[in-house]
PDB file of N, CA and C in Angstrom:
ATOM      1  N   MET A   1      81.257  80.939 123.927  1.00  0.00           N
ATOM      2  CA  MET A   1      81.153  82.344 123.893  1.00  0.00           C
ATOM      3  C   MET A   1      81.751  82.948 125.000  1.00  0.00           C
ATOM      4  N   ILE A   2      82.718  83.928 124.461  1.00  0.00           N
ATOM      5  CA  ILE A   2      83.162  84.605 124.899  1.00  0.00           C
ATOM      6  C   ILE A   2      82.708  86.196 125.922  1.00  0.00           C
ATOM      7  N   SER A   3      82.653  85.352 127.522  1.00  0.00           N
ATOM      8  CA  SER A   3      82.199  86.486 127.996  1.00  0.00           C
ATOM      9  C   SER A   3      82.882  88.017 128.492  1.00  0.00           C
ATOM     10  N   LEU A   4      82.291  88.720 127.727  1.00  0.00           N
ATOM     11  CA  LEU A   4      82.739  90.594 127.351  1.00  0.00           C
ATOM     12  C   LEU A   4      82.317  91.049 128.360  1.00  0.00           C
ATOM     13  N   LYS A   5      83.131  92.092 129.122  1.00  0.00           N
ATOM     14  CA  LYS A   5      82.827  93.125 129.783  1.00  0.00           C
ATOM     15  C   LYS A   5      83.484  94.320 129.000  1.00  0.00           C
ATOM     16  N   ASP A   6      82.200  95.419 129.726  1.00  0.00           N
ATOM     17  CA  ASP A   6      83.143  96.749 129.256  1.00  0.00           C
ATOM     18  C   ASP A   6      84.548  96.548 129.677  1.00  0.00           C
ATOM     19  N   ILE A   7      85.204  97.648 128.537  1.00  0.00           N
ATOM     20  CA  ILE A   7      86.737  98.205 129.603  1.00  0.00           C
ATOM     21  C   ILE A   7      86.782  99.875 128.954  1.00  0.00           C
ATOM     22  N   GLU A   8      87.438  99.708 130.066  1.00  0.00           N
ATOM     23  CA  GLU A   8      88.490 101.209 129.739  1.00  0.00           C
ATOM     24  C   GLU A   8      89.354 102.155 129.058  1.00  0.00           C
ATOM     25  N   VAL A   9      89.688 102.323 127.916  1.00  0.00           N
ATOM     26  CA  VAL A   9      90.753 103.209 126.527  1.00  0.00           C
ATOM     27  C   VAL A   9      90.932 104.027 127.093  1.00  0.00           C
ATOM     28  N   LYS A  10      92.415 104.036 127.231  1.00  0.00           N
ATOM     29  CA  LYS A  10      93.139 105.452 127.413  1.00  0.00           C
ATOM     30  C   LYS A  10      93.025 105.813 125.643  1.00  0.00           C
ATOM     31  N   CYS A  11      92.452 107.373 125.252  1.00  0.00           N
ATOM     32  CA  CYS A  11      92.679 107.365 123.688  1.00  0.00           C
ATOM     33  C   CYS A  11      94.571 107.671 123.343  1.00  0.00           C
ATOM     34  N   LYS A  12      94.998 107.258 122.193  1.00  0.00           N
ATOM     35  CA  LYS A  12      96.119 107.615 121.467  1.00  0.00           C
ATOM     36  C   LYS A  12      96.289 109.054 120.730  1.00  0.00           C
ATOM     37  N   ASP A  13      95.368 109.414 120.884  1.00  0.00           N
ATOM     38  CA  ASP A  13      95.325 111.275 120.166  1.00  0.00           C
ATOM     39  C   ASP A  13      95.361 111.801 121.215  1.00  0.00           C
ATOM     40  N   CYS A  14      94.364 112.037 122.456  1.00  0.00           N
ATOM     41  CA  CYS A  14      93.958 113.094 124.003  1.00  0.00           C
ATOM     42  C   CYS A  14      94.578 112.508 125.032  1.00  0.00           C
ATOM     43  N   GLY A  15      94.580 111.503 124.906  1.00  0.00           N
ATOM     44  CA  GLY A  15      94.679 110.850 126.332  1.00  0.00           C
ATOM     45  C   GLY A  15      93.672 110.462 127.530  1.00  0.00           C
ATOM     46  N   ARG A  16      92.460 110.985 126.628  1.00  0.00           N
ATOM     47  CA  ARG A  16      91.024 110.723 127.209  1.00  0.00           C
ATOM     48  C   ARG A  16      90.517 109.257 127.855  1.00  0.00           C
ATOM     49  N   ALA A  17      90.265 108.725 128.981  1.00  0.00           N
ATOM     50  CA  ALA A  17      89.468 107.248 129.038  1.00  0.00           C
ATOM     51  C   ALA A  17      88.310 107.163 128.535  1.00  0.00           C
ATOM     52  N   PHE A  18      88.155 106.371 127.605  1.00  0.00           N
ATOM     53  CA  PHE A  18      87.173 106.207 126.624  1.00  0.00           C
ATOM     54  C   PHE A  18      86.742 104.719 127.257  1.00  0.00           C
ATOM     55  N   VAL A  19      84.959 104.291 127.255  1.00  0.00           N
ATOM     56  CA  VAL A  19      84.831 103.123 127.589  1.00  0.00           C
ATOM     57  C   VAL A  19      84.366 102.098 125.689  1.00  0.00           C
ATOM     58  N   ILE A  20      84.803 101.053 125.897  1.00  0.00           N
ATOM     59  CA  ILE A  20      84.176 100.119 125.217  1.00  0.00           C
ATOM     60  C   ILE A  20      83.270  98.906 125.568  1.00  0.00           C
ATOM     61  N   ARG A  21      82.280  99.268 125.697  1.00  0.00           N
ATOM     62  CA  ARG A  21      80.975  98.243 125.483  1.00  0.00           C
ATOM     63  C   ARG A  21      80.542  96.913 125.350  1.00  0.00           C
ATOM     64  N   ARG A  22      80.315  96.239 126.092  1.00  0.00           N
ATOM     65  CA  ARG A  22      80.428  94.553 125.558  1.00  0.00           C
ATOM     66  C   ARG A  22      79.931  94.778 124.134  1.00  0.00           C
ATOM     67  N   SER A  23      78.811  95.078 123.930  1.00  0.00           N
ATOM     68  CA  SER A  23      77.919  95.483 122.515  1.00  0.00           C
ATOM     69  C   SER A  23      79.083  95.810 121.585  1.00  0.00           C
ATOM     70  N   GLU A  24      79.850  97.254 121.654  1.00  0.00           N
ATOM     71  CA  GLU A  24      81.044  97.619 120.646  1.00  0.00           C
ATOM     72  C   GLU A  24      81.774  96.088 120.682  1.00  0.00           C
ATOM     73  N   GLN A  25      82.472  96.595 121.506  1.00  0.00           N
ATOM     74  CA  GLN A  25      83.697  94.643 121.428  1.00  0.00           C
ATOM     75  C   GLN A  25      82.656  93.413 120.757  1.00  0.00           C
ATOM     76  N   GLU A  26      81.708  93.303 120.730  1.00  0.00           N
ATOM     77  CA  GLU A  26      81.018  92.126 120.469  1.00  0.00           C
ATOM     78  C   GLU A  26      80.924  92.084 118.485  1.00  0.00           C
ATOM     79  N   TYR A  27      80.738  93.730 118.194  1.00  0.00           N
ATOM     80  CA  TYR A  27      80.403  94.277 117.039  1.00  0.00           C
ATOM     81  C   TYR A  27      81.873  94.294 116.157  1.00  0.00           C
ATOM     82  N   TYR A  28      82.852  95.052 116.422  1.00  0.00           N
ATOM     83  CA  TYR A  28      84.188  94.598 116.611  1.00  0.00           C
ATOM     84  C   TYR A  28      84.645  93.217 116.158  1.00  0.00           C
ATOM     85  N   ARG A  29      84.727  92.216 117.370  1.00  0.00           N
ATOM     86  CA  ARG A  29      85.171  90.810 117.438  1.00  0.00           C
ATOM     87  C   ARG A  29      84.298  90.159 116.369  1.00  0.00           C
ATOM     88  N   GLN A  30      82.588  89.727 115.774  1.00  0.00           N
ATOM     89  CA  GLN A  30      82.090  89.263 115.046  1.00  0.00           C
ATOM     90  C   GLN A  30      83.054  90.130 113.128  1.00  0.00           C
ATOM     91  N   ARG A  31      83.261  91.249 113.397  1.00  0.00           N
ATOM     92  CA  ARG A  31      84.045  91.603 112.182  1.00  0.00           C
ATOM     93  C   ARG A  31      85.289  91.470 111.802  1.00  0.00           C
ATOM     94  N   LYS A  32      85.506  90.889 112.801  1.00  0.00           N
ATOM     95  CA  LYS A  32      86.975  90.723 112.734  1.00  0.00           C
ATOM     96  C   LYS A  32      88.189  92.316 112.850  1.00  0.00           C
ATOM     97  N   PHE A  33      87.655  93.151 113.185  1.00  0.00           N
ATOM     98  CA  PHE A  33      87.987  94.594 113.857  1.00  0.00           C
ATOM     99  C   PHE A  33      88.820  94.255 114.721  1.00  0.00           C
ATOM    100  N   PRO A  34      89.662  95.000 114.751  1.00  0.00           N
ATOM    101  CA  PRO A  34      90.828  95.346 115.813  1.00  0.00           C
ATOM    102  C   PRO A  34      89.645  96.051 116.872  1.00  0.00           C
ATOM    103  N   LEU A  35      90.245  96.192 118.062  1.00  0.00           N
ATOM    104  CA  LEU A  35      89.343  97.491 119.179  1.00  0.00           C
ATOM    105  C   LEU A  35      89.630  98.985 118.773  1.00  0.00           C
ATOM    106  N   PRO A  36      88.837  99.999 118.951  1.00  0.00           N
ATOM    107  CA  PRO A  36      88.692 101.216 118.639  1.00  0.00           C
ATOM    108  C   PRO A  36      90.412 101.702 119.054  1.00  0.00           C
ATOM    109  N   THR A  37      90.964 102.387 119.332  1.00  0.00           N
ATOM    110  CA  THR A  37      92.429 102.976 120.708  1.00  0.00           C
ATOM    111  C   THR A  37      92.376 104.664 120.136  1.00  0.00           C
ATOM    112  N   HIS A  38      91.257 104.837 119.260  1.00  0.00           N
ATOM    113  CA  HIS A  38      91.222 106.479 119.660  1.00  0.00           C
ATOM    114  C   HIS A  38      89.505 106.753 120.228  1.00  0.00           C
ATOM    115  N   CYS A  39      88.929 108.118 120.749  1.00  0.00           N
ATOM    116  CA  CYS A  39      88.130 108.101 121.969  1.00  0.00           C
ATOM    117  C   CYS A  39      86.961 108.286 120.525  1.00  0.00           C
ATOM    118  N   PRO A  40      85.289 107.978 120.686  1.00  0.00           N
ATOM    119  CA  PRO A  40      84.833 109.059 119.490  1.00  0.00           C
ATOM    120  C   PRO A  40      84.946 109.932 119.218  1.00  0.00           C
ATOM    121  N   LEU A  41      85.217 111.285 120.248  1.00  0.00           N
ATOM    122  CA  LEU A  41      85.256 112.348 119.377  1.00  0.00           C
ATOM    123  C   LEU A  41      86.628 112.579 118.599  1.00  0.00           C
ATOM    124  N   CYS A  42      87.616 111.976 119.146  1.00  0.00           N
ATOM    125  CA  CYS A  42      88.772 111.634 118.140  1.00  0.00           C
ATOM    126  C   CYS A  42      88.723 111.164 116.636  1.00  0.00           C
ATOM    127  N   ARG A  43      87.930 109.671 116.959  1.00  0.00           N
ATOM    128  CA  ARG A  43      87.467 109.108 115.522  1.00  0.00           C
ATOM    129  C   ARG A  43      86.997 110.248 114.728  1.00  0.00           C
ATOM    130  N   LYS A  44      86.195 110.927 115.303  1.00  0.00           N
ATOM    131  CA  LYS A  44      85.194 112.135 114.554  1.00  0.00           C
ATOM    132  C   LYS A  44      85.910 112.760 113.851  1.00  0.00           C
ATOM    133  N   LYS A  45      86.727 113.614 114.440  1.00  0.00           N
ATOM    134  CA  LYS A  45      87.759 114.627 113.818  1.00  0.00           C
ATOM    135  C   LYS A  45      88.737 113.633 112.909  1.00  0.00           C
ATOM    136  N   ARG A  46      88.879 112.600 113.237  1.00  0.00           N
ATOM    137  CA  ARG A  46      90.061 112.211 112.128  1.00  0.00           C
ATOM    138  C   ARG A  46      89.009 111.777 110.843  1.00  0.00           C
ATOM    139  N   LYS A  47      87.926 111.233 111.118  1.00  0.00           N
ATOM    140  CA  LYS A  47      87.154 110.683 109.708  1.00  0.00           C
ATOM    141  C   LYS A  47      86.566 112.687 109.092  1.00  0.00           C
ATOM    142  N   LYS A  48      86.475 113.285 109.798  1.00  0.00           N
ATOM    143  CA  LYS A  48      86.352 114.250 109.574  1.00  0.00           C
ATOM    144  C   LYS A  48      87.660 114.556 108.081  1.00  0.00           C
ATOM    145  N   LEU A  49      88.722 115.116 109.081  1.00  0.00           N
ATOM    146  CA  LEU A  49      90.132 114.954 108.119  1.00  0.00           C
ATOM    147  C   LEU A  49      89.723 114.559 107.135  1.00  0.00           C
ATOM    148  N   ARG A  50      89.869 113.187 107.302  1.00  0.00           N
ATOM    149  CA  ARG A  50      90.249 112.164 106.041  1.00  0.00           C
ATOM    150  C   ARG A  50      89.029 112.477 104.581  1.00  0.00           C
ATOM    151  N   ASP A  51      87.283 112.562 105.136  1.00  0.00           N
ATOM    152  CA  ASP A  51      87.044 113.713 104.601  1.00  0.00           C
ATOM    153  C   ASP A  51      87.311 114.468 103.779  1.00  0.00           C
ATOM    154  N   LYS A  52      87.406 115.732 104.609  1.00  0.00           N
ATOM    155  CA  LYS A  52      88.180 116.543 103.748  1.00  0.00           C
ATOM    156  C   LYS A  52      89.462 116.099 102.679  1.00  0.00           C
ATOM    157  N   GLU A  53      90.398 115.707 103.197  1.00  0.00           N
ATOM    158  CA  GLU A  53      91.270 115.321 102.462  1.00  0.00           C
ATOM    159  C   GLU A  53      90.525 115.028 101.112  1.00  0.00           C
ATOM    160  N   GLN A  54      89.918 113.796 100.921  1.00  0.00           N
ATOM    161  CA  GLN A  54      89.408 113.379  99.871  1.00  0.00           C
ATOM    162  C   GLN A  54      89.301 114.023  99.107  1.00  0.00           C
ATOM    163  N   GLN A  55      87.766 115.236  99.757  1.00  0.00           N
ATOM    164  CA  GLN A  55      87.102 116.066  99.183  1.00  0.00           C
ATOM    165  C   GLN A  55      88.340 116.808  98.226  1.00  0.00           C
ATOM    166  N   ILE A  56      89.613 117.112  99.012  1.00  0.00           N
ATOM    167  CA  ILE A  56      90.515 117.832  97.763  1.00  0.00           C
ATOM    168  C   ILE A  56      90.624 117.492  97.121  1.00  0.00           C
ATOM    169  N   GLN A  57      91.233 116.243  97.391  1.00  0.00           N
ATOM    170  CA  GLN A  57      91.585 115.054  95.906  1.00  0.00           C
ATOM    171  C   GLN A  57      90.670 114.940  95.452  1.00  0.00           C
ATOM    172  N   SER A  58      89.657 114.538  95.261  1.00  0.00           N
ATOM    173  CA  SER A  58      88.534 114.751  94.008  1.00  0.00           C
ATOM    174  C   SER A  58      88.252 115.893  93.450  1.00  0.00           C
ATOM    175  N   ASP A  59      88.263 117.274  94.079  1.00  0.00           N
ATOM    176  CA  ASP A  59      88.533 118.552  93.513  1.00  0.00           C
ATOM    177  C   ASP A  59      89.753 118.448  92.265  1.00  0.00           C
ATOM    178  N   ARG A  60      90.979 118.269  92.737  1.00  0.00           N
ATOM    179  CA  ARG A  60      91.835 118.631  92.419  1.00  0.00           C
ATOM    180  C   ARG A  60      91.877 117.604  91.116  1.00  0.00           C
ATOM    181  N   LEU A  61      91.634 116.469  91.245  1.00  0.00           N
ATOM    182  CA  LEU A  61      91.484 115.206  90.165  1.00  0.00           C
ATOM    183  C   LEU A  61      90.295 115.896  89.413  1.00  0.00           C
ATOM    184  N   TRP A  62      89.037 116.256  89.314  1.00  0.00           N
ATOM    185  CA  TRP A  62      88.338 117.083  88.558  1.00  0.00           C
ATOM    186  C   TRP A  62      88.975 118.304  87.781  1.00  0.00           C
ATOM    187  N   LYS A  63      89.559 119.084  88.869  1.00  0.00           N
ATOM    188  CA  LYS A  63      90.275 120.108  87.897  1.00  0.00           C
ATOM    189  C   LYS A  63      91.656 119.914  87.352  1.00  0.00           C
ATOM    190  N   GLU A  64      91.859 119.019  86.974  1.00  0.00           N
ATOM    191  CA  GLU A  64      92.971 118.408  86.404  1.00  0.00           C
ATOM    192  C   GLU A  64      92.034 117.922  84.914  1.00  0.00           C
ATOM    193  N   ARG A  65      91.448 117.043  84.520  1.00  0.00           N
ATOM    194  CA  ARG A  65      90.551 116.503  84.134  1.00  0.00           C
ATOM    195  C   ARG A  65      89.879 117.417  83.034  1.00  0.00           C
ATOM    196  N   LYS A  66      89.133 118.018  83.911  1.00  0.00           N
ATOM    197  CA  LYS A  66      88.397 119.918  82.555  1.00  0.00           C
ATOM    198  C   LYS A  66      89.665 119.724  81.841  1.00  0.00           C
ATOM    199  N   LYS A  67      90.596 120.390  82.909  1.00  0.00           N
ATOM    200  CA  LYS A  67      91.410 121.062  81.821  1.00  0.00           C
ATOM    201  C   LYS A  67      92.610 120.088  81.249  1.00  0.00           C
ATOM    202  N   ALA A  68      92.664 118.684  80.832  1.00  0.00           N
ATOM    203  CA  ALA A  68      92.709 118.099  80.172  1.00  0.00           C
ATOM    204  C   ALA A  68      91.617 117.658  78.675  1.00  0.00           C
ATOM    205  N   ASP A  69      90.829 118.316  79.021  1.00  0.00           N
ATOM    206  CA  ASP A  69      89.731 117.599  78.394  1.00  0.00           C
ATOM    207  C   ASP A  69      89.516 119.524  77.741  1.00  0.00           C
ATOM    208  N   ALA A  70      89.815 120.611  78.003  1.00  0.00           N
ATOM    209  CA  ALA A  70      89.229 121.351  77.270  1.00  0.00           C
ATOM    210  C   ALA A  70      90.489 121.446  75.869  1.00  0.00           C
ATOM    211  N   ILE A  71      92.053 121.274  76.862  1.00  0.00           N
ATOM    212  CA  ILE A  71      93.267 120.610  75.729  1.00  0.00           C
ATOM    213  C   ILE A  71      92.963 120.264  74.463  1.00  0.00           C
ATOM    214  N   THR A  72      92.158 118.635  75.269  1.00  0.00           N
ATOM    215  CA  THR A  72      92.086 117.891  74.160  1.00  0.00           C
ATOM    216  C   THR A  72      91.057 118.680  72.753  1.00  0.00           C
ATOM    217  N   PHE A  73      90.100 119.144  73.351  1.00  0.00           N
ATOM    218  CA  PHE A  73      89.131 120.015  72.690  1.00  0.00           C
ATOM    219  C   PHE A  73      89.963 120.860  71.757  1.00  0.00           C
ATOM    220  N   ASP A  74      90.648 121.749  72.354  1.00  0.00           N
ATOM    221  CA  ASP A  74      91.589 122.940  71.585  1.00  0.00           C
ATOM    222  C   ASP A  74      92.113 122.550  70.647  1.00  0.00           C
ATOM    223  N   GLN A  75      92.535 121.434  70.850  1.00  0.00           N
ATOM    224  CA  GLN A  75      93.854 120.329  70.176  1.00  0.00           C
ATOM    225  C   GLN A  75      92.682 120.475  68.977  1.00  0.00           C
ATOM    226  N   GLU A  76      91.975 119.359  69.432  1.00  0.00           N
ATOM    227  CA  GLU A  76      91.386 119.002  68.202  1.00  0.00           C
ATOM    228  C   GLU A  76      90.769 120.221  66.822  1.00  0.00           C
ATOM    229  N   LEU A  77      90.472 120.951  67.822  1.00  0.00           N
ATOM    230  CA  LEU A  77      89.873 122.369  66.546  1.00  0.00           C
ATOM    231  C   LEU A  77      90.274 122.889  66.108  1.00  0.00           C
ATOM    232  N   HIS A  78      91.694 123.223  66.497  1.00  0.00           N
ATOM    233  CA  HIS A  78      92.952 123.805  66.236  1.00  0.00           C
ATOM    234  C   HIS A  78      93.458 122.188  64.688  1.00  0.00           C
ATOM    235  N   GLY A  79      93.649 121.750  65.168  1.00  0.00           N
ATOM    236  CA  GLY A  79      93.960 120.511  64.251  1.00  0.00           C
ATOM    237  C   GLY A  79      93.366 120.258  63.393  1.00  0.00           C
ATOM    238  N   ILE A  80      91.881 121.135  63.066  1.00  0.00           N
ATOM    239  CA  ILE A  80      90.917 121.085  61.787  1.00  0.00           C
ATOM    240  C   ILE A  80      91.118 122.143  60.750  1.00  0.00           C
ATOM    241  N   HIS A  81      91.918 123.073  61.472  1.00  0.00           N
ATOM    242  CA  HIS A  81      91.976 124.426  60.619  1.00  0.00           C
ATOM    243  C   HIS A  81      93.625 124.052  60.793  1.00  0.00           C
ATOM    244  N   ARG A  82      93.650 123.901  60.338  1.00  0.00           N
ATOM    245  CA  ARG A  82      95.714 123.109  60.484  1.00  0.00           C
ATOM    246  C   ARG A  82      95.763 122.165  59.330  1.00  0.00           C
ATOM    247  N   ASP A  83      94.611 121.260  59.303  1.00  0.00           N
ATOM    248  CA  ASP A  83      94.711 120.648  57.797  1.00  0.00           C
ATOM    249  C   ASP A  83      94.667 120.670  56.693  1.00  0.00           C
ATOM    250  N   PRO A  84      95.488 120.191  56.205  1.00  0.00           N
ATOM    251  CA  PRO A  84      96.008 120.182  54.528  1.00  0.00           C
ATOM    252  C   PRO A  84      95.161 120.796  53.343  1.00  0.00           C
ATOM    253  N   ILE A  85      94.436 119.983  54.428  1.00  0.00           N
ATOM    254  CA  ILE A  85      93.364 120.202  52.714  1.00  0.00           C
ATOM    255  C   ILE A  85      92.042 121.556  52.623  1.00  0.00           C
ATOM    256  N   TRP A  86      92.586 122.739  54.060  1.00  0.00           N
ATOM    257  CA  TRP A  86      91.445 123.325  54.439  1.00  0.00           C
ATOM    258  C   TRP A  86      92.317 124.329  54.181  1.00  0.00           C
ATOM    259  N   HIS A  87      93.900 124.287  54.394  1.00  0.00           N
ATOM    260  CA  HIS A  87      95.065 125.325  54.627  1.00  0.00           C
ATOM    261  C   HIS A  87      95.939 124.810  53.729  1.00  0.00           C
ATOM    262  N   PRO A  88      95.812 124.704  52.340  1.00  0.00           N
ATOM    263  CA  PRO A  88      96.643 124.196  51.711  1.00  0.00           C
ATOM    264  C   PRO A  88      98.071 125.049  51.766  1.00  0.00           C
TER     265      PRO A  88
END
């Protein structure tokens, strides 16, 4: 077993030093994740930004789908009225 010690790392975004505890290192090692390169505050900001971007994308897709459904419904509705059986 590897003997881990707390390590101090400089954040890639803000430049502040932060400590990665032994328990955190073990967590990342067990999951085969790389150690964090951003401090907890910057990671939180990045996650918040990513979540906001995903919500914007989701909202945009929902609006496009709703618009497409309305167009399809409208075409079906008008298609019935243009049917030669109803309008010779």
